[in-house]
Amino acid sequence: MVRQAGLGGWVHIAQVTQQTTTVDLSGYPQWLVVLVGTLVAAAVLWIMMKLLKWTLWLLILGVLIGGIVWSGWLLLN
């Protein structure tokens, strides 16, 4: 720990390291790697489509509720 004059307290010194990890798929047949990659990409897209669908439904519901409440407020005022 080092005492810094301008900071008014103790500052911990940390060493920043970077480690790169690679996955070697050369032991598998190329067709299997492409097939699994395709299936994983399709599954990720399917999940994203489902999340987007729910998000859009919530947005439509929010717009409808907001518009109805706003028009009611304008009607009463």
PDB file of N, CA and C in Angstrom:
ATOM      1  N   MET A   1       0.837  -1.180   0.000  1.00  0.00           N
ATOM      2  CA  MET A   1       0.000   0.000   0.000  1.00  0.00           C
ATOM      3  C   MET A   1       0.880   1.241   0.000  1.00  0.00           C
ATOM      4  N   VAL A   2       0.430   2.223  -0.725  1.00  0.00           N
ATOM      5  CA  VAL A   2       1.187   3.461  -0.867  1.00  0.00           C
ATOM      6  C   VAL A   2       0.295   4.604  -0.442  1.00  0.00           C
ATOM      7  N   ARG A   3       0.870   5.533   0.277  1.00  0.00           N
ATOM      8  CA  ARG A   3       0.120   6.712   0.717  1.00  0.00           C
ATOM      9  C   ARG A   3       0.274   7.790  -0.344  1.00  0.00           C
ATOM     10  N   GLN A   4      -0.858   8.200  -0.963  1.00  0.00           N
ATOM     11  CA  GLN A   4      -0.866   9.249  -1.972  1.00  0.00           C
ATOM     12  C   GLN A   4      -1.231  10.562  -1.296  1.00  0.00           C
ATOM     13  N   ALA A   5      -0.504  11.610  -1.616  1.00  0.00           N
ATOM     14  CA  ALA A   5      -0.689  12.887  -0.945  1.00  0.00           C
ATOM     15  C   ALA A   5      -2.047  13.515  -1.276  1.00  0.00           C
ATOM     16  N   GLY A   6      -2.458  13.452  -2.545  1.00  0.00           N
ATOM     17  CA  GLY A   6      -3.665  14.157  -2.957  1.00  0.00           C
ATOM     18  C   GLY A   6      -4.947  13.401  -2.692  1.00  0.00           C
ATOM     19  N   LEU A   7      -4.886  12.117  -2.401  1.00  0.00           N
ATOM     20  CA  LEU A   7      -6.098  11.332  -2.268  1.00  0.00           C
ATOM     21  C   LEU A   7      -6.616  11.265  -0.840  1.00  0.00           C
ATOM     22  N   GLY A   8      -5.782  11.545   0.132  1.00  0.00           N
ATOM     23  CA  GLY A   8      -6.230  11.568   1.514  1.00  0.00           C
ATOM     24  C   GLY A   8      -6.481  10.193   2.107  1.00  0.00           C
ATOM     25  N   GLY A   9      -5.906   9.145   1.565  1.00  0.00           N
ATOM     26  CA  GLY A   9      -6.107   7.806   2.106  1.00  0.00           C
ATOM     27  C   GLY A   9      -5.128   6.829   1.497  1.00  0.00           C
ATOM     28  N   TRP A  10      -5.293   5.584   1.882  1.00  0.00           N
ATOM     29  CA  TRP A  10      -4.406   4.542   1.367  1.00  0.00           C
ATOM     30  C   TRP A  10      -4.941   4.019   0.041  1.00  0.00           C
ATOM     31  N   VAL A  11      -4.039   3.754  -0.870  1.00  0.00           N
ATOM     32  CA  VAL A  11      -4.390   3.234  -2.185  1.00  0.00           C
ATOM     33  C   VAL A  11      -3.705   1.882  -2.352  1.00  0.00           C
ATOM     34  N   HIS A  12      -4.489   0.879  -2.694  1.00  0.00           N
ATOM     35  CA  HIS A  12      -3.925  -0.446  -2.927  1.00  0.00           C
ATOM     36  C   HIS A  12      -3.356  -0.504  -4.339  1.00  0.00           C
ATOM     37  N   ILE A  13      -2.176  -1.068  -4.452  1.00  0.00           N
ATOM     38  CA  ILE A  13      -1.552  -1.216  -5.762  1.00  0.00           C
ATOM     39  C   ILE A  13      -1.815  -2.633  -6.236  1.00  0.00           C
ATOM     40  N   ALA A  14      -2.322  -2.769  -7.445  1.00  0.00           N
ATOM     41  CA  ALA A  14      -2.648  -4.082  -7.993  1.00  0.00           C
ATOM     42  C   ALA A  14      -1.954  -4.253  -9.335  1.00  0.00           C
ATOM     43  N   GLN A  15      -1.529  -5.454  -9.595  1.00  0.00           N
ATOM     44  CA  GLN A  15      -0.910  -5.760 -10.882  1.00  0.00           C
ATOM     45  C   GLN A  15      -1.994  -6.281 -11.815  1.00  0.00           C
ATOM     46  N   VAL A  16      -2.058  -5.702 -12.991  1.00  0.00           N
ATOM     47  CA  VAL A  16      -3.055  -6.107 -13.974  1.00  0.00           C
ATOM     48  C   VAL A  16      -2.405  -7.096 -14.925  1.00  0.00           C
ATOM     49  N   THR A  17      -3.010  -8.263 -15.041  1.00  0.00           N
ATOM     50  CA  THR A  17      -2.490  -9.282 -15.956  1.00  0.00           C
ATOM     51  C   THR A  17      -3.576  -9.665 -16.939  1.00  0.00           C
ATOM     52  N   GLN A  18      -3.161 -10.165 -18.072  1.00  0.00           N
ATOM     53  CA  GLN A  18      -4.096 -10.588 -19.102  1.00  0.00           C
ATOM     54  C   GLN A  18      -3.732 -12.003 -19.525  1.00  0.00           C
ATOM     55  N   GLN A  19      -4.741 -12.861 -19.571  1.00  0.00           N
ATOM     56  CA  GLN A  19      -4.516 -14.245 -19.942  1.00  0.00           C
ATOM     57  C   GLN A  19      -5.470 -14.593 -21.076  1.00  0.00           C
ATOM     58  N   THR A  20      -4.948 -15.162 -22.144  1.00  0.00           N
ATOM     59  CA  THR A  20      -5.755 -15.532 -23.294  1.00  0.00           C
ATOM     60  C   THR A  20      -5.916 -17.045 -23.317  1.00  0.00           C
ATOM     61  N   THR A  21      -7.162 -17.497 -23.402  1.00  0.00           N
ATOM     62  CA  THR A  21      -7.453 -18.920 -23.460  1.00  0.00           C
ATOM     63  C   THR A  21      -8.029 -19.240 -24.835  1.00  0.00           C
ATOM     64  N   THR A  22      -7.494 -20.237 -25.494  1.00  0.00           N
ATOM     65  CA  THR A  22      -7.997 -20.651 -26.798  1.00  0.00           C
ATOM     66  C   THR A  22      -8.498 -22.083 -26.702  1.00  0.00           C
ATOM     67  N   VAL A  23      -9.473 -22.385 -27.520  1.00  0.00           N
ATOM     68  CA  VAL A  23     -10.026 -23.732 -27.583  1.00  0.00           C
ATOM     69  C   VAL A  23      -9.589 -24.341 -28.910  1.00  0.00           C
ATOM     70  N   ASP A  24      -8.923 -25.477 -28.848  1.00  0.00           N
ATOM     71  CA  ASP A  24      -8.427 -26.140 -30.053  1.00  0.00           C
ATOM     72  C   ASP A  24      -9.456 -27.163 -30.505  1.00  0.00           C
ATOM     73  N   LEU A  25     -10.112 -26.882 -31.623  1.00  0.00           N
ATOM     74  CA  LEU A  25     -11.122 -27.786 -32.160  1.00  0.00           C
ATOM     75  C   LEU A  25     -10.596 -28.605 -33.333  1.00  0.00           C
ATOM     76  N   SER A  26      -9.292 -28.607 -33.548  1.00  0.00           N
ATOM     77  CA  SER A  26      -8.736 -29.314 -34.704  1.00  0.00           C
ATOM     78  C   SER A  26      -8.858 -30.829 -34.570  1.00  0.00           C
ATOM     79  N   GLY A  27      -9.129 -31.330 -33.370  1.00  0.00           N
ATOM     80  CA  GLY A  27      -9.281 -32.767 -33.182  1.00  0.00           C
ATOM     81  C   GLY A  27     -10.638 -33.286 -33.626  1.00  0.00           C
ATOM     82  N   TYR A  28     -11.595 -32.377 -33.822  1.00  0.00           N
ATOM     83  CA  TYR A  28     -12.934 -32.771 -34.244  1.00  0.00           C
ATOM     84  C   TYR A  28     -13.056 -32.632 -35.758  1.00  0.00           C
ATOM     85  N   PRO A  29     -13.946 -33.417 -36.378  1.00  0.00           N
ATOM     86  CA  PRO A  29     -14.180 -33.246 -37.824  1.00  0.00           C
ATOM     87  C   PRO A  29     -14.779 -31.868 -38.107  1.00  0.00           C
ATOM     88  N   GLN A  30     -14.398 -31.292 -39.228  1.00  0.00           N
ATOM     89  CA  GLN A  30     -14.869 -29.948 -39.559  1.00  0.00           C
ATOM     90  C   GLN A  30     -16.387 -29.893 -39.685  1.00  0.00           C
ATOM     91  N   TRP A  31     -16.984 -30.941 -40.238  1.00  0.00           N
ATOM     92  CA  TRP A  31     -18.436 -30.937 -40.415  1.00  0.00           C
ATOM     93  C   TRP A  31     -19.149 -30.899 -39.065  1.00  0.00           C
ATOM     94  N   LEU A  32     -18.568 -31.543 -38.051  1.00  0.00           N
ATOM     95  CA  LEU A  32     -19.179 -31.539 -36.726  1.00  0.00           C
ATOM     96  C   LEU A  32     -19.080 -30.160 -36.069  1.00  0.00           C
ATOM     97  N   VAL A  33     -17.939 -29.513 -36.240  1.00  0.00           N
ATOM     98  CA  VAL A  33     -17.762 -28.167 -35.683  1.00  0.00           C
ATOM     99  C   VAL A  33     -18.748 -27.204 -36.324  1.00  0.00           C
ATOM    100  N   VAL A  34     -18.915 -27.281 -37.653  1.00  0.00           N
ATOM    101  CA  VAL A  34     -19.850 -26.393 -38.354  1.00  0.00           C
ATOM    102  C   VAL A  34     -21.281 -26.707 -37.945  1.00  0.00           C
ATOM    103  N   LEU A  35     -21.619 -27.991 -37.822  1.00  0.00           N
ATOM    104  CA  LEU A  35     -22.979 -28.378 -37.435  1.00  0.00           C
ATOM    105  C   LEU A  35     -23.327 -27.883 -36.032  1.00  0.00           C
ATOM    106  N   VAL A  36     -22.444 -28.086 -35.075  1.00  0.00           N
ATOM    107  CA  VAL A  36     -22.702 -27.635 -33.706  1.00  0.00           C
ATOM    108  C   VAL A  36     -22.751 -26.115 -33.650  1.00  0.00           C
ATOM    109  N   GLY A  37     -21.861 -25.437 -34.367  1.00  0.00           N
ATOM    110  CA  GLY A  37     -21.893 -23.979 -34.404  1.00  0.00           C
ATOM    111  C   GLY A  37     -23.192 -23.449 -34.988  1.00  0.00           C
ATOM    112  N   THR A  38     -23.692 -24.110 -36.020  1.00  0.00           N
ATOM    113  CA  THR A  38     -24.954 -23.709 -36.635  1.00  0.00           C
ATOM    114  C   THR A  38     -26.114 -23.905 -35.673  1.00  0.00           C
ATOM    115  N   LEU A  39     -26.134 -25.045 -34.978  1.00  0.00           N
ATOM    116  CA  LEU A  39     -27.211 -25.306 -34.028  1.00  0.00           C
ATOM    117  C   LEU A  39     -27.177 -24.323 -32.853  1.00  0.00           C
ATOM    118  N   VAL A  40     -25.998 -24.000 -32.378  1.00  0.00           N
ATOM    119  CA  VAL A  40     -25.873 -23.034 -31.275  1.00  0.00           C
ATOM    120  C   VAL A  40     -26.321 -21.649 -31.740  1.00  0.00           C
ATOM    121  N   ALA A  41     -25.924 -21.242 -32.930  1.00  0.00           N
ATOM    122  CA  ALA A  41     -26.337 -19.935 -33.452  1.00  0.00           C
ATOM    123  C   ALA A  41     -27.853 -19.877 -33.638  1.00  0.00           C
ATOM    124  N   ALA A  42     -28.457 -20.970 -34.138  1.00  0.00           N
ATOM    125  CA  ALA A  42     -29.914 -21.003 -34.310  1.00  0.00           C
ATOM    126  C   ALA A  42     -30.621 -20.924 -32.959  1.00  0.00           C
ATOM    127  N   ALA A  43     -30.090 -21.602 -31.951  1.00  0.00           N
ATOM    128  CA  ALA A  43     -30.704 -21.554 -30.619  1.00  0.00           C
ATOM    129  C   ALA A  43     -30.613 -20.155 -30.024  1.00  0.00           C
ATOM    130  N   VAL A  44     -29.484 -19.490 -30.197  1.00  0.00           N
ATOM    131  CA  VAL A  44     -29.329 -18.124 -29.684  1.00  0.00           C
ATOM    132  C   VAL A  44     -30.293 -17.179 -30.394  1.00  0.00           C
ATOM    133  N   LEU A  45     -30.431 -17.320 -31.704  1.00  0.00           N
ATOM    134  CA  LEU A  45     -31.383 -16.479 -32.443  1.00  0.00           C
ATOM    135  C   LEU A  45     -32.815 -16.738 -31.997  1.00  0.00           C
ATOM    136  N   TRP A  46     -33.160 -18.004 -31.743  1.00  0.00           N
ATOM    137  CA  TRP A  46     -34.513 -18.337 -31.308  1.00  0.00           C
ATOM    138  C   TRP A  46     -34.804 -17.696 -29.959  1.00  0.00           C
ATOM    139  N   ILE A  47     -33.857 -17.768 -29.035  1.00  0.00           N
ATOM    140  CA  ILE A  47     -34.038 -17.155 -27.723  1.00  0.00           C
ATOM    141  C   ILE A  47     -34.175 -15.640 -27.858  1.00  0.00           C
ATOM    142  N   MET A  48     -33.363 -15.036 -28.715  1.00  0.00           N
ATOM    143  CA  MET A  48     -33.458 -13.588 -28.921  1.00  0.00           C
ATOM    144  C   MET A  48     -34.810 -13.208 -29.525  1.00  0.00           C
ATOM    145  N   MET A  49     -35.342 -14.025 -30.433  1.00  0.00           N
ATOM    146  CA  MET A  49     -36.650 -13.750 -31.024  1.00  0.00           C
ATOM    147  C   MET A  49     -37.743 -13.807 -29.963  1.00  0.00           C
ATOM    148  N   LYS A  50     -37.667 -14.781 -29.060  1.00  0.00           N
ATOM    149  CA  LYS A  50     -38.670 -14.891 -27.998  1.00  0.00           C
ATOM    150  C   LYS A  50     -38.599 -13.685 -27.066  1.00  0.00           C
ATOM    151  N   LEU A  51     -37.387 -13.278 -26.707  1.00  0.00           N
ATOM    152  CA  LEU A  51     -37.244 -12.105 -25.843  1.00  0.00           C
ATOM    153  C   LEU A  51     -37.742 -10.844 -26.529  1.00  0.00           C
ATOM    154  N   LEU A  52     -37.467 -10.711 -27.825  1.00  0.00           N
ATOM    155  CA  LEU A  52     -37.936  -9.544 -28.563  1.00  0.00           C
ATOM    156  C   LEU A  52     -39.457  -9.534 -28.655  1.00  0.00           C
ATOM    157  N   LYS A  53     -40.049 -10.716 -28.824  1.00  0.00           N
ATOM    158  CA  LYS A  53     -41.500 -10.811 -28.897  1.00  0.00           C
ATOM    159  C   LYS A  53     -42.130 -10.320 -27.600  1.00  0.00           C
ATOM    160  N   TRP A  54     -41.614 -10.781 -26.456  1.00  0.00           N
ATOM    161  CA  TRP A  54     -42.152 -10.337 -25.167  1.00  0.00           C
ATOM    162  C   TRP A  54     -41.915  -8.850 -24.955  1.00  0.00           C
ATOM    163  N   THR A  55     -40.775  -8.361 -25.390  1.00  0.00           N
ATOM    164  CA  THR A  55     -40.482  -6.939 -25.252  1.00  0.00           C
ATOM    165  C   THR A  55     -41.464  -6.100 -26.065  1.00  0.00           C
ATOM    166  N   LEU A  56     -41.751  -6.534 -27.274  1.00  0.00           N
ATOM    167  CA  LEU A  56     -42.700  -5.789 -28.114  1.00  0.00           C
ATOM    168  C   LEU A  56     -44.112  -5.826 -27.534  1.00  0.00           C
ATOM    169  N   TRP A  57     -44.524  -6.962 -26.985  1.00  0.00           N
ATOM    170  CA  TRP A  57     -45.845  -7.026 -26.351  1.00  0.00           C
ATOM    171  C   TRP A  57     -45.925  -6.078 -25.163  1.00  0.00           C
ATOM    172  N   LEU A  58     -44.871  -6.034 -24.353  1.00  0.00           N
ATOM    173  CA  LEU A  58     -44.845  -5.105 -23.215  1.00  0.00           C
ATOM    174  C   LEU A  58     -44.867  -3.657 -23.685  1.00  0.00           C
ATOM    175  N   LEU A  59     -44.176  -3.367 -24.793  1.00  0.00           N
ATOM    176  CA  LEU A  59     -44.177  -2.013 -25.331  1.00  0.00           C
ATOM    177  C   LEU A  59     -45.568  -1.621 -25.830  1.00  0.00           C
ATOM    178  N   ILE A  60     -46.227  -2.531 -26.545  1.00  0.00           N
ATOM    179  CA  ILE A  60     -47.590  -2.255 -27.021  1.00  0.00           C
ATOM    180  C   ILE A  60     -48.533  -2.033 -25.847  1.00  0.00           C
ATOM    181  N   LEU A  61     -48.410  -2.876 -24.811  1.00  0.00           N
ATOM    182  CA  LEU A  61     -49.259  -2.726 -23.634  1.00  0.00           C
ATOM    183  C   LEU A  61     -49.000  -1.393 -22.945  1.00  0.00           C
ATOM    184  N   GLY A  62     -47.730  -1.005 -22.840  1.00  0.00           N
ATOM    185  CA  GLY A  62     -47.395   0.273 -22.231  1.00  0.00           C
ATOM    186  C   GLY A  62     -47.943   1.454 -23.002  1.00  0.00           C
ATOM    187  N   VAL A  63     -47.879   1.380 -24.338  1.00  0.00           N
ATOM    188  CA  VAL A  63     -48.415   2.459 -25.167  1.00  0.00           C
ATOM    189  C   VAL A  63     -49.934   2.553 -25.008  1.00  0.00           C
ATOM    190  N   LEU A  64     -50.606   1.399 -24.995  1.00  0.00           N
ATOM    191  CA  LEU A  64     -52.058   1.414 -24.831  1.00  0.00           C
ATOM    192  C   LEU A  64     -52.465   1.967 -23.473  1.00  0.00           C
ATOM    193  N   ILE A  65     -51.830   1.494 -22.425  1.00  0.00           N
ATOM    194  CA  ILE A  65     -52.176   1.986 -21.082  1.00  0.00           C
ATOM    195  C   ILE A  65     -51.854   3.475 -20.969  1.00  0.00           C
ATOM    196  N   GLY A  66     -50.697   3.881 -21.456  1.00  0.00           N
ATOM    197  CA  GLY A  66     -50.331   5.297 -21.393  1.00  0.00           C
ATOM    198  C   GLY A  66     -51.284   6.178 -22.172  1.00  0.00           C
ATOM    199  N   GLY A  67     -51.680   5.736 -23.362  1.00  0.00           N
ATOM    200  CA  GLY A  67     -52.615   6.522 -24.172  1.00  0.00           C
ATOM    201  C   GLY A  67     -53.984   6.624 -23.545  1.00  0.00           C
ATOM    202  N   ILE A  68     -54.457   5.530 -22.952  1.00  0.00           N
ATOM    203  CA  ILE A  68     -55.781   5.548 -22.308  1.00  0.00           C
ATOM    204  C   ILE A  68     -55.758   6.447 -21.073  1.00  0.00           C
ATOM    205  N   VAL A  69     -54.708   6.339 -20.276  1.00  0.00           N
ATOM    206  CA  VAL A  69     -54.604   7.180 -19.081  1.00  0.00           C
ATOM    207  C   VAL A  69     -54.477   8.645 -19.470  1.00  0.00           C
ATOM    208  N   TRP A  70     -53.685   8.943 -20.490  1.00  0.00           N
ATOM    209  CA  TRP A  70     -53.504  10.324 -20.930  1.00  0.00           C
ATOM    210  C   TRP A  70     -54.818  10.908 -21.453  1.00  0.00           C
ATOM    211  N   SER A  71     -55.533  10.130 -22.279  1.00  0.00           N
ATOM    212  CA  SER A  71     -56.799  10.640 -22.808  1.00  0.00           C
ATOM    213  C   SER A  71     -57.818  10.814 -21.700  1.00  0.00           C
ATOM    214  N   GLY A  72     -57.827   9.918 -20.706  1.00  0.00           N
ATOM    215  CA  GLY A  72     -58.728  10.104 -19.559  1.00  0.00           C
ATOM    216  C   GLY A  72     -58.403  11.332 -18.754  1.00  0.00           C
ATOM    217  N   TRP A  73     -57.094  11.601 -18.579  1.00  0.00           N
ATOM    218  CA  TRP A  73     -56.687  12.795 -17.853  1.00  0.00           C
ATOM    219  C   TRP A  73     -57.093  14.057 -18.604  1.00  0.00           C
ATOM    220  N   LEU A  74     -56.937  14.036 -19.939  1.00  0.00           N
ATOM    221  CA  LEU A  74     -57.344  15.185 -20.750  1.00  0.00           C
ATOM    222  C   LEU A  74     -58.858  15.367 -20.720  1.00  0.00           C
ATOM    223  N   LEU A  75     -59.595  14.278 -20.662  1.00  0.00           N
ATOM    224  CA  LEU A  75     -61.060  14.357 -20.624  1.00  0.00           C
ATOM    225  C   LEU A  75     -61.535  14.985 -19.320  1.00  0.00           C
ATOM    226  N   LEU A  76     -60.870  14.612 -18.215  1.00  0.00           N
ATOM    227  CA  LEU A  76     -61.301  15.124 -16.907  1.00  0.00           C
ATOM    228  C   LEU A  76     -60.807  16.533 -16.631  1.00  0.00           C
ATOM    229  N   ASN A  77     -59.781  16.960 -17.290  1.00  0.00           N
ATOM    230  CA  ASN A  77     -59.264  18.322 -17.077  1.00  0.00           C
ATOM    231  C   ASN A  77     -59.734  19.165 -18.183  1.00  0.00           C
TER     232      ASN A  77
END
